Amino acid sequence: MPVDKVLPKLILTVIMGVIALLMLFPIGVTLINSFMSSREIEINYSPVGQMNTVIEGRSDPFANLKWLPDQVSLEQYGKVLLESPVYLSMFWNSVFLVVPIIAGQTLIAALAAYAFSKLRFRGRELLFLVYVLTMLMPFQVTLVPNYIMAERLGLLNSPGAIILPGIFAAFGVFMLRQFMLDIPYAYIEAAKMDGAGHLRIFATLIVPMVQPGLAALTILLFVDYWNMVEQPLIFLDDPLRQPLSVYLSNVSSEKGLAFAASVIYMAPMVLLFLYAETYFIEGIQLSGIKG
């Protein structure tokens, strides 16, 4: 192969490799430090080297970044999982918030996307445009209306104040509609000729065809709502009802616990991505179905 063709590919590969390493660097540091003892973490990360001066007789104002612990320890994981019940409590708070949002939004979005893409009714395009405009509005714009509505419905300081707006968010509708637009309408007509109604067509024909989109949507929703902080802080006054993402923002003062808690916090997202990686990549590409 000519050098003028190999060299650009090599340069691009190196650049992409460097970018990948930079993105993985914080994750690697977090994982490695989670297996250090609390004493070693204090020595390495004490502010302005105070502990370094006392323990090792040196005054280093910077953190001592190490790639391997002096001795592998599960001390931090033991403290998080066994000695800190608030962690597990907030973990289940996150689960009970995120799972209903994902299940509800996926179902509502799939049904709405089917209506916007395959049903013909007056004002369909205008209604969809209004729906998309709500998706483009930042969270801060819809915060006050959502807060007022939650207050009027008596949902403040309850999971419903977060779950209901999440279920009816517009992003899933927009994403799944792009998939369904690529499904030839001839399939719908053939199913109707066989006597199938819209619900049967949706369940047995449309849903299997948009599985990549559903998988991609599930992962994106999980990452988004698993990491939410603003909504719980605003709608949930009781700290015992807040999710794990809020806990992590307050545990940074305990460095060892922060590393271990962050690793466990990342685990569900990583496992979900690895499980549905193929569907996710295909879904992000919006390949759809070409007739």
Foldseek 3Di string as FASTA:
>chain_A
DDPVVVVVVVVVVVVVVVVVCVVCVVVQQLVQLLQEDLVVQCCQDPAQRPVVCVPVVDGHRHGDRDNHYPDGHNVLVCCQPPVNVLLVLQAVLLVVLQVLLLVLQLVVLLVLLCCLQQNDDPCSVVVLVVLVVQLPDDPVVCVVVLVVVCVVVVNFQHSCSRRVCSSPRSPSNVLLNLQSNQPDNVVVVVVVVVVDDPVCCSVPPVCVQCVLQSLQSSLVSSVVSLQDDVSCVPRRPDPSSHHNNPVLVVCVVSVNNNSSSVVVSCVVSVVSCVVCVVSNVVSVVSPHDHD
